[in-house]
Amino acid sequence: MNRRLSQRILHRLQLRESWIIFFIMGIIMMNFPFLHIFNKADTLFGFPLMFLYLTIGWAVSIFVIYLFTLAVSLSGEKKNDQKS
C-alpha cells in the first residue's frame, strides 16, 4: 500500500502541470502580499516570523525539488527497462 501510494505521487510529479503549479506557487510566496504578512516584529520560539517563513519555505522548496528529481530518475529507469 505504501509503495503504491509513493509510486502514484511520483507519477503525478512527472506531469508538466505539477512543475508549473509549484513554480508559480514559489513565485507567489516570494511576492509582496506574503512577505508583508510575515514582516512583523512578532517572534515565534524567539525567531522573527520573516526568518521562519523564508527558512521553512526554503526547506519545502528543496524537498519538492528532491521529489521532482526522484520522479524524473524513476521514469528514466522505467524507459531503460522497457528498451531492454
C-alpha atoms as a PDB file:
ATOM      1  CA  MET A   1       0.000   0.000   0.000  1.00  0.00           C
ATOM      2  CA  ASN A   2       2.724   2.483   0.995  1.00  0.00           C
ATOM      3  CA  ARG A   3       4.829   1.678  -2.083  1.00  0.00           C
ATOM      4  CA  ARG A   4       1.801   2.043  -4.351  1.00  0.00           C
ATOM      5  CA  LEU A   5       0.986   5.430  -2.861  1.00  0.00           C
ATOM      6  CA  SER A   6       4.548   6.671  -3.315  1.00  0.00           C
ATOM      7  CA  GLN A   7       4.548   5.496  -6.944  1.00  0.00           C
ATOM      8  CA  ARG A   8       1.296   7.357  -7.602  1.00  0.00           C
ATOM      9  CA  ILE A   9       2.711  10.551  -6.074  1.00  0.00           C
ATOM     10  CA  LEU A  10       5.918  10.268  -8.097  1.00  0.00           C
ATOM     11  CA  HIS A  11       3.905   9.655 -11.270  1.00  0.00           C
ATOM     12  CA  ARG A  12       1.862  12.794 -10.575  1.00  0.00           C
ATOM     13  CA  LEU A  13       5.059  14.827 -10.155  1.00  0.00           C
ATOM     14  CA  GLN A  14       6.163  13.839 -13.654  1.00  0.00           C
ATOM     15  CA  LEU A  15       3.292  15.788 -15.142  1.00  0.00           C
ATOM     16  CA  ARG A  16       4.168  19.140 -16.669  1.00  0.00           C
ATOM     17  CA  GLU A  17       1.266  20.824 -14.853  1.00  0.00           C
ATOM     18  CA  SER A  18       2.752  19.912 -11.474  1.00  0.00           C
ATOM     19  CA  TRP A  19       6.037  21.572 -12.375  1.00  0.00           C
ATOM     20  CA  ILE A  20       4.256  24.734 -13.487  1.00  0.00           C
ATOM     21  CA  ILE A  21       1.999  24.860 -10.420  1.00  0.00           C
ATOM     22  CA  PHE A  22       4.905  24.538  -7.977  1.00  0.00           C
ATOM     23  CA  PHE A  23       6.905  27.156  -9.885  1.00  0.00           C
ATOM     24  CA  ILE A  24       4.026  29.635  -9.767  1.00  0.00           C
ATOM     25  CA  MET A  25       3.434  28.914  -6.070  1.00  0.00           C
ATOM     26  CA  GLY A  26       7.103  29.662  -5.381  1.00  0.00           C
ATOM     27  CA  ILE A  27       6.877  32.976  -7.208  1.00  0.00           C
ATOM     28  CA  ILE A  28       3.692  33.919  -5.358  1.00  0.00           C
ATOM     29  CA  MET A  29       5.266  33.060  -1.998  1.00  0.00           C
ATOM     30  CA  MET A  30       8.121  35.481  -2.680  1.00  0.00           C
ATOM     31  CA  ASN A  31       5.940  38.441  -3.702  1.00  0.00           C
ATOM     32  CA  PHE A  32       4.675  41.393  -1.713  1.00  0.00           C
ATOM     33  CA  PRO A  33       1.456  40.146  -0.075  1.00  0.00           C
ATOM     34  CA  PHE A  34       3.023  37.102   1.571  1.00  0.00           C
ATOM     35  CA  LEU A  35       6.252  38.830   2.523  1.00  0.00           C
ATOM     36  CA  HIS A  36       4.239  41.696   4.028  1.00  0.00           C
ATOM     37  CA  ILE A  37       2.155  39.264   6.105  1.00  0.00           C
ATOM     38  CA  PHE A  38       5.247  37.786   7.748  1.00  0.00           C
ATOM     39  CA  ASN A  39       7.289  41.005   8.033  1.00  0.00           C
ATOM     40  CA  LYS A  40       6.248  41.747  11.612  1.00  0.00           C
ATOM     41  CA  ALA A  41       8.139  42.340  14.836  1.00  0.00           C
ATOM     42  CA  ASP A  42       6.486  39.262  16.396  1.00  0.00           C
ATOM     43  CA  THR A  43       8.553  36.204  17.210  1.00  0.00           C
ATOM     44  CA  LEU A  44       7.792  32.501  17.428  1.00  0.00           C
ATOM     45  CA  PHE A  45      10.097  30.497  19.702  1.00  0.00           C
ATOM     46  CA  GLY A  46      12.397  33.510  19.717  1.00  0.00           C
ATOM     47  CA  PHE A  47      12.730  33.686  15.919  1.00  0.00           C
ATOM     48  CA  PRO A  48      11.276  36.504  13.803  1.00  0.00           C
ATOM     49  CA  LEU A  49       8.344  35.426  11.639  1.00  0.00           C
ATOM     50  CA  MET A  50      10.054  36.507   8.402  1.00  0.00           C
ATOM     51  CA  PHE A  51      13.084  34.352   9.192  1.00  0.00           C
ATOM     52  CA  LEU A  52      10.882  31.310   9.889  1.00  0.00           C
ATOM     53  CA  TYR A  53       8.800  31.924   6.753  1.00  0.00           C
ATOM     54  CA  LEU A  54      11.851  32.101   4.497  1.00  0.00           C
ATOM     55  CA  THR A  55      13.650  29.196   6.181  1.00  0.00           C
ATOM     56  CA  ILE A  56      10.657  26.852   6.115  1.00  0.00           C
ATOM     57  CA  GLY A  57       9.832  27.906   2.539  1.00  0.00           C
ATOM     58  CA  TRP A  58      13.412  27.209   1.511  1.00  0.00           C
ATOM     59  CA  ALA A  59      13.327  23.734   3.109  1.00  0.00           C
ATOM     60  CA  VAL A  60       9.991  22.894   1.483  1.00  0.00           C
ATOM     61  CA  SER A  61      11.327  24.059  -1.903  1.00  0.00           C
ATOM     62  CA  ILE A  62      14.350  21.783  -1.585  1.00  0.00           C
ATOM     63  CA  PHE A  63      12.092  18.855  -0.661  1.00  0.00           C
ATOM     64  CA  VAL A  64       9.822  19.476  -3.672  1.00  0.00           C
ATOM     65  CA  ILE A  65      12.865  19.659  -5.980  1.00  0.00           C
ATOM     66  CA  TYR A  66      14.084  16.371  -4.482  1.00  0.00           C
ATOM     67  CA  LEU A  67      10.715  14.749  -5.225  1.00  0.00           C
ATOM     68  CA  PHE A  68      10.789  16.052  -8.802  1.00  0.00           C
ATOM     69  CA  THR A  69      14.297  14.690  -9.405  1.00  0.00           C
ATOM     70  CA  LEU A  70      13.287  11.363  -7.867  1.00  0.00           C
ATOM     71  CA  ALA A  71      10.276  11.169 -10.188  1.00  0.00           C
ATOM     72  CA  VAL A  72      12.392  12.004 -13.239  1.00  0.00           C
ATOM     73  CA  SER A  73      15.065   9.435 -12.373  1.00  0.00           C
ATOM     74  CA  LEU A  74      12.443   6.718 -11.825  1.00  0.00           C
ATOM     75  CA  SER A  75      10.814   7.475 -15.180  1.00  0.00           C
ATOM     76  CA  GLY A  76      14.249   7.275 -16.832  1.00  0.00           C
ATOM     77  CA  GLU A  77      14.857   3.860 -15.262  1.00  0.00           C
ATOM     78  CA  LYS A  78      11.473   2.616 -16.479  1.00  0.00           C
ATOM     79  CA  LYS A  79      12.235   3.772 -20.030  1.00  0.00           C
ATOM     80  CA  ASN A  80      15.595   1.993 -19.946  1.00  0.00           C
ATOM     81  CA  ASP A  81      13.937  -1.195 -18.672  1.00  0.00           C
ATOM     82  CA  GLN A  82      11.371  -1.100 -21.470  1.00  0.00           C
ATOM     83  CA  LYS A  83      14.080  -0.709 -24.149  1.00  0.00           C
ATOM     84  CA  SER A  84      15.956  -3.805 -22.938  1.00  0.00           C
END
